[in-house]
Every structure is written in C-alpha cells, then in structure tokens.
Amino acid sequence: MLETKIAHLGFIQNIITRMSEKGSSIKTYAITIMAGALAVSDKIQTIPFIVFTITIILFLFYLNAYFYRQEKLFRELYKEAATTSNTNFSDKCSLDTTPYESHIDGIFRIIFTQKSLNLLKFYLPLIICTICLKVFMDYKIECKIASSNATQTNPTGDKK
C-alpha cells in the first residue's frame, strides 16, 4: 500500500515538474519568436507587425498562464494525496484535478492577480520592448533614406 502511494506521489510530482518546464519553455519561445520577428521586421509595415507580435505574445502569455494554473491544480492534488491515510489511499489514487478547480483561480484571474505578477512582469516588458524596437528601427531606416535622398546629385552635378 505504501509503495502505491509513493509511486502515485511520484507521478504527480513528475507532472508538476513538466508543467513548470513547459512554462519556462514558452517564455523561451516568446523571446525567440520576437527576436526572429524583429530580424525580418524591416520588410513588414509597423502596424501589421505590432498587431502580429502582440497577438503572438498574448497567445503565449495565455498558454503560460494555463500551464501555471495546471501546475497549481496538481500541487493541490499532491497535497491531498500526501495527507491521505495509507488505508484509504487506494480509493483516492487518481490524477483527476476537477475537485480542486474551485480552490484555484481561473486563468484570467491568475494573469492579473498579485500572486502571479511574474507572468505579467515578463510579457508586458516583452510587448513594450518589441514595439519600441520596431518603431526605433523604422525611424532609423527613414532617417537613412532621408539623408541619402538629401545628398543625391542630379545629372548636372548639382546637389538637390
């Protein structure tokens, strides 16, 4: 009976670890996608680029919050399984987290609660930096075009 309980707790702990790793992977994907998008951003107009990047970042933000919520649900399941007596354990040997859904905030509450500001602290600066870099890059390109147009000469050799 004790071996079953230890194995079950190990399963739950592995699930919690995977959920945590998925959250970290999603943050890595977000940075990689934004870096790639900025690399080709000179070929894309500003407004469509900003809409595209904000949409991707918000999707990854939501997905990260989802995995964070799932991690919390499995932590509640782990607490329950760890405190269950060994004699009643075989009846409660399940990976169903639906009984704990009422104890854990929904995804949107997780995004905007004080406890989960680490998600907001990552994705909000990512959005701001992406927009600022795109605007700066566009401004820099426009300045180069304007300065090259000002120094061009006409066929007679006079400057415009």
N, C-alpha and C. Protein backbone atom coordinates (compact mmCIF):
# COMPACT_ATOMS: atom_id res chain seq x y z
N MET A 1 0.82 -1.20 0.00
CA MET A 1 0.00 0.00 0.00
C MET A 1 0.87 1.26 0.00
N LEU A 2 1.91 1.27 0.81
CA LEU A 2 2.79 2.43 0.88
C LEU A 2 3.54 2.63 -0.44
N GLU A 3 3.91 1.52 -1.10
CA GLU A 3 4.60 1.63 -2.38
C GLU A 3 3.71 2.28 -3.43
N THR A 4 2.43 1.95 -3.40
CA THR A 4 1.47 2.55 -4.33
C THR A 4 1.37 4.05 -4.09
N LYS A 5 1.33 4.44 -2.83
CA LYS A 5 1.23 5.85 -2.50
C LYS A 5 2.49 6.61 -2.95
N ILE A 6 3.64 6.02 -2.72
CA ILE A 6 4.89 6.66 -3.12
C ILE A 6 4.96 6.79 -4.64
N ALA A 7 4.55 5.75 -5.35
CA ALA A 7 4.55 5.80 -6.82
C ALA A 7 3.57 6.85 -7.33
N HIS A 8 2.40 6.93 -6.71
CA HIS A 8 1.39 7.91 -7.12
C HIS A 8 1.91 9.33 -6.87
N LEU A 9 2.51 9.56 -5.72
CA LEU A 9 3.08 10.88 -5.44
C LEU A 9 4.20 11.22 -6.43
N GLY A 10 4.96 10.21 -6.83
CA GLY A 10 6.00 10.43 -7.83
C GLY A 10 5.41 10.82 -9.18
N PHE A 11 4.31 10.18 -9.57
CA PHE A 11 3.63 10.55 -10.82
C PHE A 11 3.18 12.01 -10.78
N ILE A 12 2.56 12.38 -9.68
CA ILE A 12 2.07 13.76 -9.56
C ILE A 12 3.23 14.74 -9.58
N GLN A 13 4.32 14.41 -8.88
CA GLN A 13 5.49 15.30 -8.85
C GLN A 13 6.09 15.45 -10.25
N ASN A 14 6.12 14.38 -11.02
CA ASN A 14 6.62 14.47 -12.40
C ASN A 14 5.73 15.36 -13.25
N ILE A 15 4.43 15.29 -13.06
CA ILE A 15 3.51 16.16 -13.80
C ILE A 15 3.74 17.62 -13.43
N ILE A 16 3.91 17.89 -12.15
CA ILE A 16 4.16 19.27 -11.70
C ILE A 16 5.46 19.79 -12.32
N THR A 17 6.48 18.95 -12.35
CA THR A 17 7.76 19.35 -12.94
C THR A 17 7.60 19.65 -14.43
N ARG A 18 6.86 18.80 -15.13
CA ARG A 18 6.65 19.05 -16.57
C ARG A 18 5.88 20.34 -16.81
N MET A 19 4.88 20.62 -16.00
CA MET A 19 4.12 21.86 -16.16
C MET A 19 5.02 23.07 -15.95
N SER A 20 5.88 23.00 -14.97
CA SER A 20 6.81 24.09 -14.71
C SER A 20 7.79 24.27 -15.88
N GLU A 21 8.29 23.16 -16.40
CA GLU A 21 9.20 23.23 -17.54
C GLU A 21 8.52 23.79 -18.78
N LYS A 22 7.26 23.46 -18.98
CA LYS A 22 6.53 23.98 -20.13
C LYS A 22 6.40 25.50 -20.04
N GLY A 23 6.16 26.01 -18.83
CA GLY A 23 6.08 27.46 -18.66
C GLY A 23 7.39 28.14 -19.02
N SER A 24 8.50 27.55 -18.60
CA SER A 24 9.81 28.12 -18.95
C SER A 24 10.06 28.02 -20.44
N SER A 25 9.67 26.92 -21.05
CA SER A 25 9.86 26.75 -22.50
C SER A 25 9.04 27.78 -23.27
N ILE A 26 7.85 28.06 -22.81
CA ILE A 26 7.01 29.04 -23.51
C ILE A 26 7.64 30.42 -23.46
N LYS A 27 8.24 30.78 -22.34
CA LYS A 27 8.94 32.07 -22.26
C LYS A 27 10.11 32.10 -23.23
N THR A 28 10.82 30.99 -23.34
CA THR A 28 11.93 30.91 -24.29
C THR A 28 11.43 31.04 -25.72
N TYR A 29 10.32 30.38 -26.03
CA TYR A 29 9.72 30.50 -27.37
C TYR A 29 9.34 31.94 -27.65
N ALA A 30 8.78 32.62 -26.67
CA ALA A 30 8.34 34.00 -26.86
C ALA A 30 9.52 34.89 -27.24
N ILE A 31 10.62 34.74 -26.53
CA ILE A 31 11.80 35.56 -26.83
C ILE A 31 12.36 35.22 -28.21
N THR A 32 12.42 33.93 -28.53
CA THR A 32 12.95 33.50 -29.82
C THR A 32 12.08 34.00 -30.97
N ILE A 33 10.78 33.87 -30.83
CA ILE A 33 9.86 34.32 -31.89
C ILE A 33 9.95 35.83 -32.07
N MET A 34 10.04 36.58 -30.98
CA MET A 34 10.13 38.02 -31.11
C MET A 34 11.46 38.45 -31.73
N ALA A 35 12.53 37.76 -31.38
CA ALA A 35 13.82 38.08 -32.00
C ALA A 35 13.79 37.79 -33.49
N GLY A 36 13.20 36.67 -33.87
CA GLY A 36 13.07 36.35 -35.29
C GLY A 36 12.17 37.34 -36.02
N ALA A 37 11.10 37.73 -35.37
CA ALA A 37 10.19 38.70 -35.99
C ALA A 37 10.88 40.05 -36.17
N LEU A 38 11.67 40.46 -35.18
CA LEU A 38 12.39 41.72 -35.31
C LEU A 38 13.46 41.65 -36.39
N ALA A 39 14.02 40.47 -36.61
CA ALA A 39 15.04 40.32 -37.63
C ALA A 39 14.49 40.57 -39.03
N VAL A 40 13.24 40.22 -39.25
CA VAL A 40 12.63 40.44 -40.57
C VAL A 40 11.67 41.62 -40.58
N SER A 41 11.67 42.40 -39.52
CA SER A 41 10.67 43.47 -39.39
C SER A 41 10.88 44.62 -40.37
N ASP A 42 12.07 44.75 -40.94
CA ASP A 42 12.27 45.85 -41.89
C ASP A 42 11.48 45.64 -43.19
N LYS A 43 11.02 44.42 -43.40
CA LYS A 43 10.22 44.11 -44.59
C LYS A 43 8.72 44.19 -44.32
N ILE A 44 8.35 44.46 -43.08
CA ILE A 44 6.94 44.49 -42.68
C ILE A 44 6.60 45.89 -42.19
N GLN A 45 5.41 46.37 -42.55
CA GLN A 45 4.99 47.68 -42.08
C GLN A 45 4.77 47.65 -40.57
N THR A 46 4.81 48.80 -39.95
CA THR A 46 4.80 48.89 -38.49
C THR A 46 3.51 48.35 -37.87
N ILE A 47 2.36 48.82 -38.32
CA ILE A 47 1.09 48.43 -37.69
C ILE A 47 0.82 46.93 -37.81
N PRO A 48 0.94 46.33 -39.00
CA PRO A 48 0.74 44.88 -39.07
C PRO A 48 1.74 44.10 -38.21
N PHE A 49 2.97 44.60 -38.16
CA PHE A 49 3.98 43.93 -37.33
C PHE A 49 3.60 43.98 -35.86
N ILE A 50 3.18 45.13 -35.39
CA ILE A 50 2.80 45.27 -33.98
C ILE A 50 1.59 44.40 -33.65
N VAL A 51 0.60 44.38 -34.53
CA VAL A 51 -0.58 43.53 -34.31
C VAL A 51 -0.17 42.06 -34.27
N PHE A 52 0.68 41.66 -35.21
CA PHE A 52 1.15 40.28 -35.28
C PHE A 52 1.91 39.89 -34.01
N THR A 53 2.85 40.72 -33.59
CA THR A 53 3.67 40.37 -32.43
C THR A 53 2.86 40.39 -31.13
N ILE A 54 1.97 41.37 -30.98
CA ILE A 54 1.15 41.42 -29.77
C ILE A 54 0.24 40.20 -29.71
N THR A 55 -0.31 39.79 -30.85
CA THR A 55 -1.16 38.60 -30.88
C THR A 55 -0.38 37.36 -30.45
N ILE A 56 0.81 37.20 -30.97
CA ILE A 56 1.62 36.04 -30.59
C ILE A 56 1.98 36.09 -29.11
N ILE A 57 2.40 37.25 -28.64
CA ILE A 57 2.79 37.37 -27.23
C ILE A 57 1.60 37.10 -26.32
N LEU A 58 0.43 37.63 -26.66
CA LEU A 58 -0.75 37.39 -25.82
C LEU A 58 -1.16 35.91 -25.83
N PHE A 59 -1.02 35.25 -26.98
CA PHE A 59 -1.31 33.82 -27.04
C PHE A 59 -0.36 33.04 -26.14
N LEU A 60 0.93 33.35 -26.21
CA LEU A 60 1.91 32.66 -25.37
C LEU A 60 1.72 33.00 -23.89
N PHE A 61 1.31 34.23 -23.62
CA PHE A 61 1.00 34.66 -22.25
C PHE A 61 -0.14 33.82 -21.69
N TYR A 62 -1.19 33.67 -22.47
CA TYR A 62 -2.34 32.86 -22.05
C TYR A 62 -1.93 31.40 -21.85
N LEU A 63 -1.16 30.88 -22.77
CA LEU A 63 -0.71 29.48 -22.67
C LEU A 63 0.15 29.28 -21.43
N ASN A 64 1.01 30.22 -21.13
CA ASN A 64 1.84 30.14 -19.93
C ASN A 64 0.98 30.17 -18.67
N ALA A 65 -0.03 31.03 -18.66
CA ALA A 65 -0.94 31.09 -17.52
C ALA A 65 -1.72 29.79 -17.36
N TYR A 66 -2.09 29.18 -18.49
CA TYR A 66 -2.79 27.90 -18.45
C TYR A 66 -1.92 26.83 -17.77
N PHE A 67 -0.66 26.73 -18.17
CA PHE A 67 0.21 25.72 -17.56
C PHE A 67 0.50 26.04 -16.09
N TYR A 68 0.57 27.33 -15.77
CA TYR A 68 0.75 27.73 -14.38
C TYR A 68 -0.45 27.29 -13.53
N ARG A 69 -1.64 27.45 -14.09
CA ARG A 69 -2.86 27.01 -13.39
C ARG A 69 -2.88 25.49 -13.23
N GLN A 70 -2.51 24.78 -14.28
CA GLN A 70 -2.47 23.32 -14.19
C GLN A 70 -1.47 22.87 -13.14
N GLU A 71 -0.35 23.55 -13.07
CA GLU A 71 0.65 23.23 -12.05
C GLU A 71 0.06 23.42 -10.65
N LYS A 72 -0.68 24.50 -10.46
CA LYS A 72 -1.31 24.74 -9.16
C LYS A 72 -2.34 23.66 -8.83
N LEU A 73 -3.11 23.23 -9.83
CA LEU A 73 -4.10 22.18 -9.61
C LEU A 73 -3.42 20.88 -9.17
N PHE A 74 -2.34 20.53 -9.83
CA PHE A 74 -1.65 19.29 -9.46
C PHE A 74 -0.93 19.42 -8.12
N ARG A 75 -0.55 20.63 -7.74
CA ARG A 75 0.00 20.82 -6.39
C ARG A 75 -1.07 20.55 -5.33
N GLU A 76 -2.29 20.99 -5.60
CA GLU A 76 -3.39 20.70 -4.67
C GLU A 76 -3.66 19.20 -4.61
N LEU A 77 -3.62 18.54 -5.74
CA LEU A 77 -3.81 17.09 -5.77
C LEU A 77 -2.70 16.40 -4.99
N TYR A 78 -1.49 16.89 -5.12
CA TYR A 78 -0.35 16.31 -4.39
C TYR A 78 -0.55 16.47 -2.89
N LYS A 79 -0.96 17.66 -2.45
CA LYS A 79 -1.21 17.89 -1.01
C LYS A 79 -2.26 16.92 -0.49
N GLU A 80 -3.33 16.75 -1.26
CA GLU A 80 -4.40 15.84 -0.84
C GLU A 80 -3.91 14.40 -0.77
N ALA A 81 -3.15 13.98 -1.79
CA ALA A 81 -2.65 12.61 -1.81
C ALA A 81 -1.63 12.37 -0.70
N ALA A 82 -0.84 13.37 -0.39
CA ALA A 82 0.17 13.21 0.66
C ALA A 82 -0.45 13.13 2.05
N THR A 83 -1.58 13.79 2.26
CA THR A 83 -2.20 13.79 3.59
C THR A 83 -3.22 12.67 3.77
N THR A 84 -3.55 11.95 2.69
CA THR A 84 -4.50 10.85 2.79
C THR A 84 -3.84 9.68 3.53
N SER A 85 -4.57 9.05 4.41
CA SER A 85 -4.01 7.92 5.16
C SER A 85 -3.77 6.75 4.22
N ASN A 86 -2.85 5.90 4.60
CA ASN A 86 -2.47 4.76 3.75
C ASN A 86 -3.61 3.77 3.56
N THR A 87 -4.51 3.66 4.52
CA THR A 87 -5.61 2.69 4.41
C THR A 87 -6.64 3.12 3.40
N ASN A 88 -6.89 4.42 3.25
CA ASN A 88 -7.89 4.93 2.30
C ASN A 88 -7.28 5.34 0.97
N PHE A 89 -6.01 5.12 0.81
CA PHE A 89 -5.32 5.68 -0.36
C PHE A 89 -5.73 5.05 -1.67
N SER A 90 -5.95 3.74 -1.69
CA SER A 90 -6.28 3.08 -2.96
C SER A 90 -7.58 3.61 -3.57
N ASP A 91 -8.50 4.10 -2.73
CA ASP A 91 -9.74 4.69 -3.24
C ASP A 91 -9.49 6.07 -3.87
N LYS A 92 -8.47 6.78 -3.42
CA LYS A 92 -8.22 8.15 -3.88
C LYS A 92 -7.06 8.23 -4.87
N CYS A 93 -6.61 7.12 -5.37
CA CYS A 93 -5.47 7.08 -6.30
C CYS A 93 -5.94 7.51 -7.69
N SER A 94 -5.94 8.81 -7.94
CA SER A 94 -6.44 9.36 -9.19
C SER A 94 -5.61 10.58 -9.57
N LEU A 95 -5.62 10.93 -10.84
CA LEU A 95 -4.95 12.14 -11.32
C LEU A 95 -5.97 13.19 -11.74
N ASP A 96 -7.21 13.03 -11.31
CA ASP A 96 -8.28 13.96 -11.65
C ASP A 96 -8.18 15.21 -10.78
N THR A 97 -8.05 16.37 -11.42
CA THR A 97 -7.90 17.63 -10.67
C THR A 97 -9.20 18.43 -10.60
N THR A 98 -10.29 17.92 -11.17
CA THR A 98 -11.54 18.69 -11.17
C THR A 98 -12.06 19.02 -9.77
N PRO A 99 -11.86 18.19 -8.73
CA PRO A 99 -12.34 18.61 -7.40
C PRO A 99 -11.65 19.86 -6.85
N TYR A 100 -10.50 20.22 -7.40
CA TYR A 100 -9.73 21.35 -6.88
C TYR A 100 -9.91 22.61 -7.71
N GLU A 101 -10.69 22.53 -8.78
CA GLU A 101 -10.87 23.68 -9.67
C GLU A 101 -11.50 24.87 -8.94
N SER A 102 -12.35 24.60 -7.97
CA SER A 102 -13.00 25.70 -7.24
C SER A 102 -12.03 26.40 -6.29
N HIS A 103 -10.94 25.73 -5.92
CA HIS A 103 -9.96 26.31 -4.99
C HIS A 103 -8.92 27.17 -5.70
N ILE A 104 -8.76 26.96 -7.00
CA ILE A 104 -7.73 27.65 -7.77
C ILE A 104 -8.40 28.68 -8.67
N ASP A 105 -7.79 29.87 -8.75
CA ASP A 105 -8.33 30.93 -9.60
C ASP A 105 -8.33 30.50 -11.06
N GLY A 106 -9.22 31.14 -11.83
CA GLY A 106 -9.26 30.91 -13.27
C GLY A 106 -8.04 31.51 -13.95
N ILE A 107 -7.90 31.25 -15.22
CA ILE A 107 -6.71 31.70 -15.95
C ILE A 107 -6.60 33.22 -15.96
N PHE A 108 -7.69 33.92 -16.21
CA PHE A 108 -7.61 35.38 -16.27
C PHE A 108 -7.35 35.99 -14.90
N ARG A 109 -7.86 35.37 -13.85
CA ARG A 109 -7.54 35.86 -12.50
C ARG A 109 -6.08 35.58 -12.17
N ILE A 110 -5.56 34.47 -12.66
CA ILE A 110 -4.15 34.16 -12.44
C ILE A 110 -3.27 35.20 -13.13
N ILE A 111 -3.67 35.61 -14.32
CA ILE A 111 -2.88 36.58 -15.07
C ILE A 111 -2.79 37.91 -14.33
N PHE A 112 -3.87 38.34 -13.73
CA PHE A 112 -3.92 39.69 -13.17
C PHE A 112 -3.92 39.75 -11.65
N THR A 113 -3.65 38.64 -10.96
CA THR A 113 -3.58 38.70 -9.50
C THR A 113 -2.18 39.07 -9.04
N GLN A 114 -2.10 39.52 -7.84
CA GLN A 114 -0.83 39.94 -7.26
C GLN A 114 0.15 38.77 -7.16
N LYS A 115 -0.38 37.57 -6.88
CA LYS A 115 0.48 36.40 -6.70
C LYS A 115 1.19 36.01 -7.99
N SER A 116 0.60 36.31 -9.12
CA SER A 116 1.12 35.84 -10.40
C SER A 116 1.70 36.96 -11.24
N LEU A 117 2.21 37.97 -10.61
CA LEU A 117 2.77 39.09 -11.37
C LEU A 117 4.01 38.71 -12.15
N ASN A 118 4.61 37.55 -11.83
CA ASN A 118 5.80 37.15 -12.58
C ASN A 118 5.48 36.95 -14.06
N LEU A 119 4.29 36.49 -14.37
CA LEU A 119 3.90 36.36 -15.78
C LEU A 119 3.77 37.73 -16.43
N LEU A 120 3.11 38.64 -15.74
CA LEU A 120 2.91 39.99 -16.27
C LEU A 120 4.25 40.73 -16.36
N LYS A 121 5.13 40.48 -15.39
CA LYS A 121 6.44 41.14 -15.40
C LYS A 121 7.31 40.67 -16.56
N PHE A 122 7.02 39.52 -17.11
CA PHE A 122 7.79 39.03 -18.25
C PHE A 122 7.17 39.50 -19.57
N TYR A 123 5.87 39.30 -19.73
CA TYR A 123 5.26 39.53 -21.04
C TYR A 123 4.99 41.00 -21.34
N LEU A 124 4.67 41.80 -20.36
CA LEU A 124 4.43 43.23 -20.61
C LEU A 124 5.69 43.93 -21.10
N PRO A 125 6.85 43.76 -20.44
CA PRO A 125 8.07 44.37 -21.00
C PRO A 125 8.44 43.82 -22.37
N LEU A 126 8.12 42.55 -22.62
CA LEU A 126 8.40 41.98 -23.93
C LEU A 126 7.59 42.70 -25.01
N ILE A 127 6.33 42.98 -24.72
CA ILE A 127 5.49 43.71 -25.67
C ILE A 127 6.03 45.13 -25.87
N ILE A 128 6.35 45.80 -24.78
CA ILE A 128 6.83 47.18 -24.86
C ILE A 128 8.16 47.25 -25.61
N CYS A 129 9.08 46.34 -25.30
CA CYS A 129 10.38 46.34 -25.98
C CYS A 129 10.24 46.06 -27.47
N THR A 130 9.38 45.14 -27.81
CA THR A 130 9.19 44.81 -29.23
C THR A 130 8.64 46.01 -29.99
N ILE A 131 7.65 46.67 -29.42
CA ILE A 131 7.08 47.85 -30.09
C ILE A 131 8.11 48.96 -30.20
N CYS A 132 8.83 49.23 -29.11
CA CYS A 132 9.83 50.30 -29.13
C CYS A 132 10.95 50.01 -30.13
N LEU A 133 11.41 48.77 -30.16
CA LEU A 133 12.47 48.42 -31.11
C LEU A 133 11.99 48.56 -32.55
N LYS A 134 10.77 48.16 -32.83
CA LYS A 134 10.24 48.28 -34.19
C LYS A 134 10.12 49.75 -34.59
N VAL A 135 9.59 50.56 -33.70
CA VAL A 135 9.44 51.99 -34.01
C VAL A 135 10.82 52.64 -34.19
N PHE A 136 11.76 52.28 -33.33
CA PHE A 136 13.11 52.82 -33.44
C PHE A 136 13.77 52.39 -34.75
N MET A 137 13.62 51.12 -35.11
CA MET A 137 14.21 50.63 -36.35
C MET A 137 13.59 51.33 -37.56
N ASP A 138 12.28 51.54 -37.54
CA ASP A 138 11.62 52.24 -38.65
C ASP A 138 12.10 53.69 -38.74
N TYR A 139 12.25 54.33 -37.58
CA TYR A 139 12.72 55.72 -37.56
C TYR A 139 14.14 55.80 -38.11
N LYS A 140 14.97 54.85 -37.71
CA LYS A 140 16.36 54.84 -38.16
C LYS A 140 16.43 54.61 -39.67
N ILE A 141 15.60 53.72 -40.20
CA ILE A 141 15.57 53.46 -41.64
C ILE A 141 15.09 54.69 -42.39
N GLU A 142 14.07 55.36 -41.86
CA GLU A 142 13.56 56.57 -42.51
C GLU A 142 14.60 57.68 -42.49
N CYS A 143 15.36 57.80 -41.41
CA CYS A 143 16.41 58.81 -41.35
C CYS A 143 17.50 58.53 -42.38
N LYS A 144 17.87 57.25 -42.56
CA LYS A 144 18.87 56.90 -43.56
C LYS A 144 18.38 57.21 -44.96
N ILE A 145 17.12 56.91 -45.23
CA ILE A 145 16.55 57.19 -46.55
C ILE A 145 16.51 58.69 -46.80
N ALA A 146 16.10 59.44 -45.79
CA ALA A 146 16.03 60.89 -45.95
C ALA A 146 17.42 61.50 -46.15
N SER A 147 18.41 61.02 -45.43
CA SER A 147 19.76 61.59 -45.59
C SER A 147 20.38 61.18 -46.92
N SER A 148 20.08 59.98 -47.39
CA SER A 148 20.62 59.58 -48.70
C SER A 148 19.94 60.35 -49.82
N ASN A 149 18.65 60.67 -49.67
CA ASN A 149 17.96 61.47 -50.67
C ASN A 149 18.48 62.90 -50.70
N ALA A 150 18.87 63.43 -49.56
CA ALA A 150 19.35 64.80 -49.49
C ALA A 150 20.73 64.95 -50.12
N THR A 151 21.53 63.89 -50.09
CA THR A 151 22.88 64.00 -50.64
C THR A 151 23.00 63.50 -52.07
N GLN A 152 21.88 63.05 -52.63
CA GLN A 152 21.94 62.61 -54.04
C GLN A 152 22.17 63.80 -54.96
N THR A 153 22.83 63.53 -56.04
CA THR A 153 23.08 64.60 -57.02
C THR A 153 22.27 64.32 -58.28
N ASN A 154 21.94 65.39 -59.00
CA ASN A 154 21.25 65.22 -60.26
C ASN A 154 22.28 65.07 -61.39
N PRO A 155 21.87 64.77 -62.61
CA PRO A 155 22.84 64.53 -63.70
C PRO A 155 23.75 65.70 -64.01
N THR A 156 23.40 66.92 -63.69
CA THR A 156 24.26 68.05 -63.98
C THR A 156 25.35 68.24 -62.93
N GLY A 157 25.30 67.45 -61.86
CA GLY A 157 26.34 67.53 -60.83
C GLY A 157 25.94 68.42 -59.66
N ASP A 158 24.81 69.12 -59.78
CA ASP A 158 24.36 69.97 -58.67
C ASP A 158 23.64 69.14 -57.62
N LYS A 159 23.79 69.55 -56.38
CA LYS A 159 23.04 68.84 -55.33
C LYS A 159 21.61 69.30 -55.34
N LYS A 160 20.73 68.40 -55.00
CA LYS A 160 19.30 68.75 -54.94
C LYS A 160 19.02 69.60 -53.73
